[in-house]
Amino acid sequence: WLPTFTDWRVLGIPAPWLILAVGVYPLIGTCAWLYIRAATKNE
């Protein structure tokens, strides 16, 4: 929805690539941490 976002570059790397390459890992870690915390409460 934001085509101008695809034109952004950080250190020569397109912003969408950066989000997929770097930005997803904190999201994965947060989801894993929330899951473990809630699963421990269930147990």
PDB file of all heavy atoms in Angstrom:
ATOM      1  N   TRP A   1       0.798  -1.226   0.000  1.00  0.00           N
ATOM      2  CA  TRP A   1       0.000   0.000   0.000  1.00  0.00           C
ATOM      3  C   TRP A   1       0.833   1.278   0.000  1.00  0.00           C
ATOM      4  O   TRP A   1       0.306   2.343  -0.287  1.00  0.00           O
ATOM      5  CB  TRP A   1      -0.952   0.001   1.182  1.00  0.00           C
ATOM      6  CG  TRP A   1      -2.034  -1.033   1.050  1.00  0.00           C
ATOM      7  CD1 TRP A   1      -2.552  -1.529  -0.100  1.00  0.00           C
ATOM      8  CD2 TRP A   1      -2.710  -1.688   2.112  1.00  0.00           C
ATOM      9  NE1 TRP A   1      -3.512  -2.466   0.181  1.00  0.00           N
ATOM     10  CE2 TRP A   1      -3.629  -2.579   1.536  1.00  0.00           C
ATOM     11  CE3 TRP A   1      -2.637  -1.626   3.484  1.00  0.00           C
ATOM     12  CZ2 TRP A   1      -4.462  -3.378   2.287  1.00  0.00           C
ATOM     13  CZ3 TRP A   1      -3.477  -2.423   4.231  1.00  0.00           C
ATOM     14  CH2 TRP A   1      -4.372  -3.292   3.638  1.00  0.00           C
ATOM     15  N   LEU A   2       2.079   1.196   0.365  1.00  0.00           N
ATOM     16  CA  LEU A   2       2.950   2.377   0.341  1.00  0.00           C
ATOM     17  C   LEU A   2       4.083   2.142  -0.661  1.00  0.00           C
ATOM     18  O   LEU A   2       5.176   1.720  -0.287  1.00  0.00           O
ATOM     19  CB  LEU A   2       3.527   2.655   1.730  1.00  0.00           C
ATOM     20  CG  LEU A   2       2.555   3.089   2.811  1.00  0.00           C
ATOM     21  CD1 LEU A   2       3.252   3.189   4.147  1.00  0.00           C
ATOM     22  CD2 LEU A   2       1.920   4.420   2.450  1.00  0.00           C
ATOM     23  N   PRO A   3       3.828   2.384  -1.913  1.00  0.00           N
ATOM     24  CA  PRO A   3       4.858   2.109  -2.918  1.00  0.00           C
ATOM     25  C   PRO A   3       6.122   2.929  -2.699  1.00  0.00           C
ATOM     26  O   PRO A   3       7.211   2.499  -3.085  1.00  0.00           O
ATOM     27  CB  PRO A   3       4.204   2.455  -4.252  1.00  0.00           C
ATOM     28  CG  PRO A   3       2.856   2.974  -3.967  1.00  0.00           C
ATOM     29  CD  PRO A   3       2.605   2.893  -2.505  1.00  0.00           C
ATOM     30  N   THR A   4       5.999   4.082  -2.069  1.00  0.00           N
ATOM     31  CA  THR A   4       7.205   4.874  -1.811  1.00  0.00           C
ATOM     32  C   THR A   4       8.105   4.180  -0.790  1.00  0.00           C
ATOM     33  O   THR A   4       9.312   4.415  -0.764  1.00  0.00           O
ATOM     34  CB  THR A   4       6.835   6.275  -1.289  1.00  0.00           C
ATOM     35  OG1 THR A   4       6.063   6.151  -0.099  1.00  0.00           O
ATOM     36  CG2 THR A   4       6.049   7.054  -2.335  1.00  0.00           C
ATOM     37  N   PHE A   5       7.529   3.330   0.029  1.00  0.00           N
ATOM     38  CA  PHE A   5       8.311   2.585   1.020  1.00  0.00           C
ATOM     39  C   PHE A   5       9.327   1.673   0.345  1.00  0.00           C
ATOM     40  O   PHE A   5      10.420   1.453   0.854  1.00  0.00           O
ATOM     41  CB  PHE A   5       7.373   1.787   1.927  1.00  0.00           C
ATOM     42  CG  PHE A   5       8.068   0.990   2.984  1.00  0.00           C
ATOM     43  CD1 PHE A   5       8.702   1.612   4.043  1.00  0.00           C
ATOM     44  CD2 PHE A   5       8.103  -0.397   2.909  1.00  0.00           C
ATOM     45  CE1 PHE A   5       9.346   0.884   5.009  1.00  0.00           C
ATOM     46  CE2 PHE A   5       8.747  -1.139   3.883  1.00  0.00           C
ATOM     47  CZ  PHE A   5       9.373  -0.496   4.939  1.00  0.00           C
ATOM     48  N   THR A   6       8.971   1.143  -0.820  1.00  0.00           N
ATOM     49  CA  THR A   6       9.892   0.240  -1.531  1.00  0.00           C
ATOM     50  C   THR A   6      11.091   0.996  -2.096  1.00  0.00           C
ATOM     51  O   THR A   6      12.123   0.385  -2.391  1.00  0.00           O
ATOM     52  CB  THR A   6       9.174  -0.501  -2.675  1.00  0.00           C
ATOM     53  OG1 THR A   6       8.621   0.460  -3.571  1.00  0.00           O
ATOM     54  CG2 THR A   6       8.092  -1.409  -2.144  1.00  0.00           C
ATOM     55  N   ASP A   7      10.966   2.307  -2.241  1.00  0.00           N
ATOM     56  CA  ASP A   7      12.079   3.109  -2.760  1.00  0.00           C
ATOM     57  C   ASP A   7      13.076   3.507  -1.674  1.00  0.00           C
ATOM     58  O   ASP A   7      14.165   3.957  -1.986  1.00  0.00           O
ATOM     59  CB  ASP A   7      11.544   4.376  -3.445  1.00  0.00           C
ATOM     60  CG  ASP A   7      10.691   4.039  -4.663  1.00  0.00           C
ATOM     61  OD1 ASP A   7      10.907   2.959  -5.242  1.00  0.00           O
ATOM     62  OD2 ASP A   7       9.807   4.848  -5.003  1.00  0.00           O
ATOM     63  N   TRP A   8      12.693   3.369  -0.417  1.00  0.00           N
ATOM     64  CA  TRP A   8      13.586   3.754   0.677  1.00  0.00           C
ATOM     65  C   TRP A   8      14.783   2.811   0.708  1.00  0.00           C
ATOM     66  O   TRP A   8      14.670   1.611   0.483  1.00  0.00           O
ATOM     67  CB  TRP A   8      12.878   3.678   2.025  1.00  0.00           C
ATOM     68  CG  TRP A   8      11.780   4.669   2.220  1.00  0.00           C
ATOM     69  CD1 TRP A   8      11.404   5.682   1.386  1.00  0.00           C
ATOM     70  CD2 TRP A   8      10.898   4.723   3.335  1.00  0.00           C
ATOM     71  NE1 TRP A   8      10.347   6.359   1.894  1.00  0.00           N
ATOM     72  CE2 TRP A   8      10.010   5.799   3.106  1.00  0.00           C
ATOM     73  CE3 TRP A   8      10.752   3.985   4.488  1.00  0.00           C
ATOM     74  CZ2 TRP A   8       9.012   6.139   3.996  1.00  0.00           C
ATOM     75  CZ3 TRP A   8       9.763   4.328   5.378  1.00  0.00           C
ATOM     76  CH2 TRP A   8       8.908   5.398   5.128  1.00  0.00           C
ATOM     77  N   ARG A   9      15.933   3.376   1.030  1.00  0.00           N
ATOM     78  CA  ARG A   9      17.145   2.567   1.134  1.00  0.00           C
ATOM     79  C   ARG A   9      17.896   2.954   2.396  1.00  0.00           C
ATOM     80  O   ARG A   9      17.982   4.117   2.750  1.00  0.00           O
ATOM     81  CB  ARG A   9      18.042   2.773  -0.077  1.00  0.00           C
ATOM     82  CG  ARG A   9      17.434   2.245  -1.350  1.00  0.00           C
ATOM     83  CD  ARG A   9      18.433   2.244  -2.479  1.00  0.00           C
ATOM     84  NE  ARG A   9      17.841   1.659  -3.657  1.00  0.00           N
ATOM     85  CZ  ARG A   9      17.825   0.355  -3.913  1.00  0.00           C
ATOM     86  NH1 ARG A   9      18.364  -0.482  -3.079  1.00  0.00           N
ATOM     87  NH2 ARG A   9      17.282  -0.098  -5.012  1.00  0.00           N
ATOM     88  N   VAL A  10      18.406   1.946   3.077  1.00  0.00           N
ATOM     89  CA  VAL A  10      19.236   2.151   4.263  1.00  0.00           C
ATOM     90  C   VAL A  10      20.568   1.480   3.969  1.00  0.00           C
ATOM     91  O   VAL A  10      20.632   0.255   3.780  1.00  0.00           O
ATOM     92  CB  VAL A  10      18.577   1.550   5.519  1.00  0.00           C
ATOM     93  CG1 VAL A  10      19.463   1.725   6.732  1.00  0.00           C
ATOM     94  CG2 VAL A  10      17.214   2.168   5.754  1.00  0.00           C
ATOM     95  N   LEU A  11      21.616   2.266   3.883  1.00  0.00           N
ATOM     96  CA  LEU A  11      22.949   1.771   3.539  1.00  0.00           C
ATOM     97  C   LEU A  11      22.941   1.005   2.209  1.00  0.00           C
ATOM     98  O   LEU A  11      23.604  -0.024   2.051  1.00  0.00           O
ATOM     99  CB  LEU A  11      23.513   0.884   4.656  1.00  0.00           C
ATOM    100  CG  LEU A  11      23.680   1.549   6.021  1.00  0.00           C
ATOM    101  CD1 LEU A  11      24.073   0.515   7.060  1.00  0.00           C
ATOM    102  CD2 LEU A  11      24.710   2.670   5.959  1.00  0.00           C
ATOM    103  N   GLY A  12      22.117   1.480   1.272  1.00  0.00           N
ATOM    104  CA  GLY A  12      22.054   0.871  -0.050  1.00  0.00           C
ATOM    105  C   GLY A  12      21.159  -0.357  -0.129  1.00  0.00           C
ATOM    106  O   GLY A  12      21.004  -0.946  -1.193  1.00  0.00           O
ATOM    107  N   ILE A  13      20.558  -0.752   0.985  1.00  0.00           N
ATOM    108  CA  ILE A  13      19.692  -1.941   1.001  1.00  0.00           C
ATOM    109  C   ILE A  13      18.239  -1.470   1.026  1.00  0.00           C
ATOM    110  O   ILE A  13      17.878  -0.610   1.830  1.00  0.00           O
ATOM    111  CB  ILE A  13      19.982  -2.817   2.243  1.00  0.00           C
ATOM    112  CG1 ILE A  13      21.455  -3.225   2.259  1.00  0.00           C
ATOM    113  CG2 ILE A  13      19.079  -4.033   2.267  1.00  0.00           C
ATOM    114  CD1 ILE A  13      21.888  -3.871   3.548  1.00  0.00           C
ATOM    115  N   PRO A  14      17.385  -2.014   0.148  1.00  0.00           N
ATOM    116  CA  PRO A  14      15.974  -1.607   0.156  1.00  0.00           C
ATOM    117  C   PRO A  14      15.328  -1.901   1.516  1.00  0.00           C
ATOM    118  O   PRO A  14      15.581  -2.934   2.148  1.00  0.00           O
ATOM    119  CB  PRO A  14      15.337  -2.462  -0.940  1.00  0.00           C
ATOM    120  CG  PRO A  14      16.471  -2.904  -1.793  1.00  0.00           C
ATOM    121  CD  PRO A  14      17.675  -2.967  -0.917  1.00  0.00           C
ATOM    122  N   ALA A  15      14.475  -0.975   1.961  1.00  0.00           N
ATOM    123  CA  ALA A  15      13.838  -1.087   3.284  1.00  0.00           C
ATOM    124  C   ALA A  15      13.017  -2.372   3.438  1.00  0.00           C
ATOM    125  O   ALA A  15      13.072  -3.007   4.500  1.00  0.00           O
ATOM    126  CB  ALA A  15      12.991   0.142   3.561  1.00  0.00           C
ATOM    127  N   PRO A  16      12.224  -2.802   2.427  1.00  0.00           N
ATOM    128  CA  PRO A  16      11.481  -4.058   2.598  1.00  0.00           C
ATOM    129  C   PRO A  16      12.395  -5.265   2.862  1.00  0.00           C
ATOM    130  O   PRO A  16      12.063  -6.147   3.645  1.00  0.00           O
ATOM    131  CB  PRO A  16      10.722  -4.229   1.280  1.00  0.00           C
ATOM    132  CG  PRO A  16      10.583  -2.851   0.754  1.00  0.00           C
ATOM    133  CD  PRO A  16      11.819  -2.126   1.186  1.00  0.00           C
ATOM    134  N   TRP A  17      13.542  -5.279   2.223  1.00  0.00           N
ATOM    135  CA  TRP A  17      14.494  -6.382   2.452  1.00  0.00           C
ATOM    136  C   TRP A  17      15.030  -6.328   3.872  1.00  0.00           C
ATOM    137  O   TRP A  17      15.214  -7.364   4.515  1.00  0.00           O
ATOM    138  CB  TRP A  17      15.645  -6.294   1.460  1.00  0.00           C
ATOM    139  CG  TRP A  17      15.269  -6.759   0.094  1.00  0.00           C
ATOM    140  CD1 TRP A  17      14.435  -6.147  -0.788  1.00  0.00           C
ATOM    141  CD2 TRP A  17      15.695  -7.959  -0.523  1.00  0.00           C
ATOM    142  NE1 TRP A  17      14.325  -6.874  -1.925  1.00  0.00           N
ATOM    143  CE2 TRP A  17      15.099  -8.003  -1.795  1.00  0.00           C
ATOM    144  CE3 TRP A  17      16.539  -8.992  -0.148  1.00  0.00           C
ATOM    145  CZ2 TRP A  17      15.308  -9.046  -2.674  1.00  0.00           C
ATOM    146  CZ3 TRP A  17      16.750 -10.027  -1.037  1.00  0.00           C
ATOM    147  CH2 TRP A  17      16.137 -10.053  -2.274  1.00  0.00           C
ATOM    148  N   LEU A  18      15.302  -5.120   4.327  1.00  0.00           N
ATOM    149  CA  LEU A  18      15.797  -4.974   5.699  1.00  0.00           C
ATOM    150  C   LEU A  18      14.768  -5.444   6.715  1.00  0.00           C
ATOM    151  O   LEU A  18      15.114  -6.104   7.698  1.00  0.00           O
ATOM    152  CB  LEU A  18      16.147  -3.507   5.973  1.00  0.00           C
ATOM    153  CG  LEU A  18      17.611  -3.170   5.886  1.00  0.00           C
ATOM    154  CD1 LEU A  18      17.814  -1.681   6.008  1.00  0.00           C
ATOM    155  CD2 LEU A  18      18.412  -3.894   6.927  1.00  0.00           C
ATOM    156  N   ILE A  19      13.506  -5.097   6.469  1.00  0.00           N
ATOM    157  CA  ILE A  19      12.454  -5.533   7.399  1.00  0.00           C
ATOM    158  C   ILE A  19      12.376  -7.053   7.422  1.00  0.00           C
ATOM    159  O   ILE A  19      12.274  -7.670   8.491  1.00  0.00           O
ATOM    160  CB  ILE A  19      11.096  -4.915   7.029  1.00  0.00           C
ATOM    161  CG1 ILE A  19      11.114  -3.441   7.394  1.00  0.00           C
ATOM    162  CG2 ILE A  19       9.960  -5.619   7.733  1.00  0.00           C
ATOM    163  CD1 ILE A  19       9.860  -2.706   7.020  1.00  0.00           C
ATOM    164  N   LEU A  20      12.426  -7.667   6.256  1.00  0.00           N
ATOM    165  CA  LEU A  20      12.354  -9.129   6.206  1.00  0.00           C
ATOM    166  C   LEU A  20      13.608  -9.794   6.763  1.00  0.00           C
ATOM    167  O   LEU A  20      13.536 -10.845   7.391  1.00  0.00           O
ATOM    168  CB  LEU A  20      12.106  -9.600   4.773  1.00  0.00           C
ATOM    169  CG  LEU A  20      10.707  -9.348   4.235  1.00  0.00           C
ATOM    170  CD1 LEU A  20      10.633  -9.734   2.771  1.00  0.00           C
ATOM    171  CD2 LEU A  20       9.682 -10.115   5.041  1.00  0.00           C
ATOM    172  N   ALA A  21      14.756  -9.184   6.534  1.00  0.00           N
ATOM    173  CA  ALA A  21      16.014  -9.810   6.962  1.00  0.00           C
ATOM    174  C   ALA A  21      16.310  -9.576   8.435  1.00  0.00           C
ATOM    175  O   ALA A  21      16.823 -10.455   9.114  1.00  0.00           O
ATOM    176  CB  ALA A  21      17.162  -9.282   6.108  1.00  0.00           C
ATOM    177  N   VAL A  22      16.005  -8.398   8.937  1.00  0.00           N
ATOM    178  CA  VAL A  22      16.396  -8.050  10.301  1.00  0.00           C
ATOM    179  C   VAL A  22      15.185  -7.858  11.213  1.00  0.00           C
ATOM    180  O   VAL A  22      15.193  -8.278  12.361  1.00  0.00           O
ATOM    181  CB  VAL A  22      17.266  -6.761  10.299  1.00  0.00           C
ATOM    182  CG1 VAL A  22      17.646  -6.356  11.693  1.00  0.00           C
ATOM    183  CG2 VAL A  22      18.489  -6.947   9.438  1.00  0.00           C
ATOM    184  N   GLY A  23      14.144  -7.246  10.710  1.00  0.00           N
ATOM    185  CA  GLY A  23      13.003  -6.881  11.548  1.00  0.00           C
ATOM    186  C   GLY A  23      12.144  -8.043  11.993  1.00  0.00           C
ATOM    187  O   GLY A  23      11.411  -7.930  12.977  1.00  0.00           O
ATOM    188  N   VAL A  24      12.206  -9.157  11.289  1.00  0.00           N
ATOM    189  CA  VAL A  24      11.349 -10.297  11.638  1.00  0.00           C
ATOM    190  C   VAL A  24      11.892 -11.056  12.853  1.00  0.00           C
ATOM    191  O   VAL A  24      11.125 -11.608  13.629  1.00  0.00           O
ATOM    192  CB  VAL A  24      11.190 -11.230  10.418  1.00  0.00           C
ATOM    193  CG1 VAL A  24      10.463 -12.493  10.781  1.00  0.00           C
ATOM    194  CG2 VAL A  24      10.443 -10.502   9.315  1.00  0.00           C
ATOM    195  N   TYR A  25      13.189 -11.028  13.053  1.00  0.00           N
ATOM    196  CA  TYR A  25      13.768 -11.811  14.154  1.00  0.00           C
ATOM    197  C   TYR A  25      13.315 -11.348  15.539  1.00  0.00           C
ATOM    198  O   TYR A  25      13.003 -12.187  16.386  1.00  0.00           O
ATOM    199  CB  TYR A  25      15.292 -11.858  14.037  1.00  0.00           C
ATOM    200  CG  TYR A  25      15.716 -12.688  12.862  1.00  0.00           C
ATOM    201  CD1 TYR A  25      16.222 -12.096  11.718  1.00  0.00           C
ATOM    202  CD2 TYR A  25      15.561 -14.065  12.876  1.00  0.00           C
ATOM    203  CE1 TYR A  25      16.584 -12.863  10.631  1.00  0.00           C
ATOM    204  CE2 TYR A  25      15.918 -14.838  11.789  1.00  0.00           C
ATOM    205  CZ  TYR A  25      16.429 -14.230  10.673  1.00  0.00           C
ATOM    206  OH  TYR A  25      16.773 -14.994   9.593  1.00  0.00           O
ATOM    207  N   PRO A  26      13.238 -10.052  15.803  1.00  0.00           N
ATOM    208  CA  PRO A  26      12.668  -9.657  17.100  1.00  0.00           C
ATOM    209  C   PRO A  26      11.209 -10.097  17.252  1.00  0.00           C
ATOM    210  O   PRO A  26      10.771 -10.453  18.348  1.00  0.00           O
ATOM    211  CB  PRO A  26      12.786  -8.131  17.110  1.00  0.00           C
ATOM    212  CG  PRO A  26      13.869  -7.822  16.158  1.00  0.00           C
ATOM    213  CD  PRO A  26      13.816  -8.896  15.116  1.00  0.00           C
ATOM    214  N   LEU A  27      10.468 -10.086  16.140  1.00  0.00           N
ATOM    215  CA  LEU A  27       9.089 -10.548  16.174  1.00  0.00           C
ATOM    216  C   LEU A  27       9.025 -12.036  16.509  1.00  0.00           C
ATOM    217  O   LEU A  27       8.209 -12.463  17.338  1.00  0.00           O
ATOM    218  CB  LEU A  27       8.411 -10.275  14.825  1.00  0.00           C
ATOM    219  CG  LEU A  27       6.979 -10.751  14.675  1.00  0.00           C
ATOM    220  CD1 LEU A  27       6.071  -9.993  15.616  1.00  0.00           C
ATOM    221  CD2 LEU A  27       6.528 -10.583  13.238  1.00  0.00           C
ATOM    222  N   ILE A  28       9.877 -12.827  15.902  1.00  0.00           N
ATOM    223  CA  ILE A  28       9.933 -14.263  16.209  1.00  0.00           C
ATOM    224  C   ILE A  28      10.297 -14.480  17.671  1.00  0.00           C
ATOM    225  O   ILE A  28       9.671 -15.290  18.365  1.00  0.00           O
ATOM    226  CB  ILE A  28      10.946 -14.975  15.289  1.00  0.00           C
ATOM    227  CG1 ILE A  28      10.456 -14.983  13.847  1.00  0.00           C
ATOM    228  CG2 ILE A  28      11.204 -16.407  15.765  1.00  0.00           C
ATOM    229  CD1 ILE A  28      11.492 -15.469  12.856  1.00  0.00           C
ATOM    230  N   GLY A  29      11.302 -13.751  18.148  1.00  0.00           N
ATOM    231  CA  GLY A  29      11.712 -13.882  19.551  1.00  0.00           C
ATOM    232  C   GLY A  29      10.617 -13.484  20.515  1.00  0.00           C
ATOM    233  O   GLY A  29      10.386 -14.156  21.532  1.00  0.00           O
ATOM    234  N   THR A  30       9.883 -12.410  20.206  1.00  0.00           N
ATOM    235  CA  THR A  30       8.787 -11.968  21.071  1.00  0.00           C
ATOM    236  C   THR A  30       7.665 -12.998  21.089  1.00  0.00           C
ATOM    237  O   THR A  30       7.125 -13.312  22.161  1.00  0.00           O
ATOM    238  CB  THR A  30       8.262 -10.601  20.590  1.00  0.00           C
ATOM    239  OG1 THR A  30       9.339  -9.674  20.593  1.00  0.00           O
ATOM    240  CG2 THR A  30       7.146 -10.107  21.476  1.00  0.00           C
ATOM    241  N   CYS A  31       7.302 -13.519  19.924  1.00  0.00           N
ATOM    242  CA  CYS A  31       6.246 -14.547  19.873  1.00  0.00           C
ATOM    243  C   CYS A  31       6.661 -15.791  20.662  1.00  0.00           C
ATOM    244  O   CYS A  31       5.848 -16.366  21.395  1.00  0.00           O
ATOM    245  CB  CYS A  31       5.932 -14.916  18.425  1.00  0.00           C
ATOM    246  SG  CYS A  31       5.009 -13.657  17.535  1.00  0.00           S
ATOM    247  N   ALA A  32       7.919 -16.201  20.514  1.00  0.00           N
ATOM    248  CA  ALA A  32       8.397 -17.383  21.239  1.00  0.00           C
ATOM    249  C   ALA A  32       8.384 -17.134  22.741  1.00  0.00           C
ATOM    250  O   ALA A  32       7.956 -18.003  23.524  1.00  0.00           O
ATOM    251  CB  ALA A  32       9.806 -17.743  20.781  1.00  0.00           C
ATOM    252  N   TRP A  33       8.819 -15.953  23.164  1.00  0.00           N
ATOM    253  CA  TRP A  33       8.833 -15.627  24.592  1.00  0.00           C
ATOM    254  C   TRP A  33       7.420 -15.616  25.162  1.00  0.00           C
ATOM    255  O   TRP A  33       7.175 -16.177  26.241  1.00  0.00           O
ATOM    256  CB  TRP A  33       9.509 -14.271  24.800  1.00  0.00           C
ATOM    257  CG  TRP A  33       9.517 -13.831  26.223  1.00  0.00           C
ATOM    258  CD1 TRP A  33      10.302 -14.308  27.228  1.00  0.00           C
ATOM    259  CD2 TRP A  33       8.686 -12.833  26.805  1.00  0.00           C
ATOM    260  NE1 TRP A  33      10.015 -13.663  28.406  1.00  0.00           N
ATOM    261  CE2 TRP A  33       9.023 -12.747  28.167  1.00  0.00           C
ATOM    262  CE3 TRP A  33       7.701 -11.997  26.302  1.00  0.00           C
ATOM    263  CZ2 TRP A  33       8.399 -11.860  29.034  1.00  0.00           C
ATOM    264  CZ3 TRP A  33       7.088 -11.114  27.165  1.00  0.00           C
ATOM    265  CH2 TRP A  33       7.434 -11.053  28.507  1.00  0.00           C
ATOM    266  N   LEU A  34       6.466 -15.009  24.438  1.00  0.00           N
ATOM    267  CA  LEU A  34       5.075 -14.981  24.902  1.00  0.00           C
ATOM    268  C   LEU A  34       4.492 -16.386  24.965  1.00  0.00           C
ATOM    269  O   LEU A  34       3.755 -16.729  25.901  1.00  0.00           O
ATOM    270  CB  LEU A  34       4.227 -14.095  23.991  1.00  0.00           C
ATOM    271  CG  LEU A  34       4.481 -12.600  24.103  1.00  0.00           C
ATOM    272  CD1 LEU A  34       3.725 -11.858  22.999  1.00  0.00           C
ATOM    273  CD2 LEU A  34       4.070 -12.090  25.474  1.00  0.00           C
ATOM    274  N   TYR A  35       4.810 -17.214  23.965  1.00  0.00           N
ATOM    275  CA  TYR A  35       4.283 -18.585  23.962  1.00  0.00           C
ATOM    276  C   TYR A  35       4.819 -19.381  25.146  1.00  0.00           C
ATOM    277  O   TYR A  35       4.051 -20.053  25.837  1.00  0.00           O
ATOM    278  CB  TYR A  35       4.651 -19.299  22.650  1.00  0.00           C
ATOM    279  CG  TYR A  35       4.224 -20.732  22.675  1.00  0.00           C
ATOM    280  CD1 TYR A  35       2.903 -21.083  22.432  1.00  0.00           C
ATOM    281  CD2 TYR A  35       5.123 -21.758  22.982  1.00  0.00           C
ATOM    282  CE1 TYR A  35       2.488 -22.396  22.478  1.00  0.00           C
ATOM    283  CE2 TYR A  35       4.712 -23.075  23.027  1.00  0.00           C
ATOM    284  CZ  TYR A  35       3.402 -23.381  22.779  1.00  0.00           C
ATOM    285  OH  TYR A  35       2.989 -24.675  22.848  1.00  0.00           O
ATOM    286  N   ILE A  36       6.117 -19.302  25.381  1.00  0.00           N
ATOM    287  CA  ILE A  36       6.709 -20.067  26.492  1.00  0.00           C
ATOM    288  C   ILE A  36       6.132 -19.615  27.826  1.00  0.00           C
ATOM    289  O   ILE A  36       5.819 -20.429  28.703  1.00  0.00           O
ATOM    290  CB  ILE A  36       8.245 -19.949  26.465  1.00  0.00           C
ATOM    291  CG1 ILE A  36       8.787 -20.723  25.278  1.00  0.00           C
ATOM    292  CG2 ILE A  36       8.871 -20.442  27.759  1.00  0.00           C
ATOM    293  CD1 ILE A  36      10.259 -20.511  25.012  1.00  0.00           C
ATOM    294  N   ARG A  37       5.979 -18.316  27.980  1.00  0.00           N
ATOM    295  CA  ARG A  37       5.431 -17.776  29.234  1.00  0.00           C
ATOM    296  C   ARG A  37       4.002 -18.271  29.473  1.00  0.00           C
ATOM    297  O   ARG A  37       3.665 -18.735  30.560  1.00  0.00           O
ATOM    298  CB  ARG A  37       5.475 -16.256  29.154  1.00  0.00           C
ATOM    299  CG  ARG A  37       5.113 -15.582  30.409  1.00  0.00           C
ATOM    300  CD  ARG A  37       5.355 -14.091  30.275  1.00  0.00           C
ATOM    301  NE  ARG A  37       4.401 -13.418  31.114  1.00  0.00           N
ATOM    302  CZ  ARG A  37       3.914 -12.228  30.911  1.00  0.00           C
ATOM    303  NH1 ARG A  37       4.323 -11.544  29.879  1.00  0.00           N
ATOM    304  NH2 ARG A  37       3.055 -11.698  31.715  1.00  0.00           N
ATOM    305  N   ALA A  38       3.159 -18.201  28.439  1.00  0.00           N
ATOM    306  CA  ALA A  38       1.771 -18.639  28.586  1.00  0.00           C
ATOM    307  C   ALA A  38       1.674 -20.161  28.725  1.00  0.00           C
ATOM    308  O   ALA A  38       0.849 -20.668  29.494  1.00  0.00           O
ATOM    309  CB  ALA A  38       0.946 -18.163  27.395  1.00  0.00           C
ATOM    310  N   ALA A  39       2.507 -20.906  28.008  1.00  0.00           N
ATOM    311  CA  ALA A  39       2.492 -22.366  28.120  1.00  0.00           C
ATOM    312  C   ALA A  39       2.916 -22.807  29.518  1.00  0.00           C
ATOM    313  O   ALA A  39       2.353 -23.757  30.078  1.00  0.00           O
ATOM    314  CB  ALA A  39       3.406 -22.993  27.069  1.00  0.00           C
ATOM    315  N   THR A  40       3.875 -22.106  30.090  1.00  0.00           N
ATOM    316  CA  THR A  40       4.300 -22.423  31.461  1.00  0.00           C
ATOM    317  C   THR A  40       3.167 -22.172  32.446  1.00  0.00           C
ATOM    318  O   THR A  40       2.962 -22.965  33.373  1.00  0.00           O
ATOM    319  CB  THR A  40       5.543 -21.587  31.829  1.00  0.00           C
ATOM    320  OG1 THR A  40       6.563 -21.854  30.876  1.00  0.00           O
ATOM    321  CG2 THR A  40       6.039 -21.920  33.215  1.00  0.00           C
ATOM    322  N   LYS A  41       2.423 -21.085  32.244  1.00  0.00           N
ATOM    323  CA  LYS A  41       1.272 -20.807  33.115  1.00  0.00           C
ATOM    324  C   LYS A  41       0.224 -21.914  32.994  1.00  0.00           C
ATOM    325  O   LYS A  41      -0.350 -22.354  33.992  1.00  0.00           O
ATOM    326  CB  LYS A  41       0.645 -19.465  32.771  1.00  0.00           C
ATOM    327  CG  LYS A  41       1.419 -18.292  33.296  1.00  0.00           C
ATOM    328  CD  LYS A  41       0.689 -17.002  32.982  1.00  0.00           C
ATOM    329  CE  LYS A  41       1.497 -15.812  33.439  1.00  0.00           C
ATOM    330  NZ  LYS A  41       0.829 -14.548  33.128  1.00  0.00           N
ATOM    331  N   ASN A  42      -0.035 -22.368  31.754  1.00  0.00           N
ATOM    332  CA  ASN A  42      -0.992 -23.467  31.554  1.00  0.00           C
ATOM    333  C   ASN A  42      -0.541 -24.723  32.297  1.00  0.00           C
ATOM    334  O   ASN A  42      -1.341 -25.391  32.958  1.00  0.00           O
ATOM    335  CB  ASN A  42      -1.141 -23.787  30.069  1.00  0.00           C
ATOM    336  CG  ASN A  42      -2.036 -22.831  29.347  1.00  0.00           C
ATOM    337  OD1 ASN A  42      -2.767 -22.059  29.951  1.00  0.00           O
ATOM    338  ND2 ASN A  42      -1.968 -22.864  28.029  1.00  0.00           N
ATOM    339  N   GLU A  43       0.736 -25.046  32.170  1.00  0.00           N
ATOM    340  CA  GLU A  43       1.249 -26.250  32.822  1.00  0.00           C
ATOM    341  C   GLU A  43       1.232 -26.113  34.347  1.00  0.00           C
ATOM    342  O   GLU A  43       0.963 -27.084  35.056  1.00  0.00           O
ATOM    343  CB  GLU A  43       2.653 -26.549  32.323  1.00  0.00           C
ATOM    344  CG  GLU A  43       2.668 -27.015  30.892  1.00  0.00           C
ATOM    345  CD  GLU A  43       4.057 -27.084  30.297  1.00  0.00           C
ATOM    346  OE1 GLU A  43       5.041 -26.780  31.004  1.00  0.00           O
ATOM    347  OE2 GLU A  43       4.158 -27.438  29.119  1.00  0.00           O
TER     348      GLU A  43
END
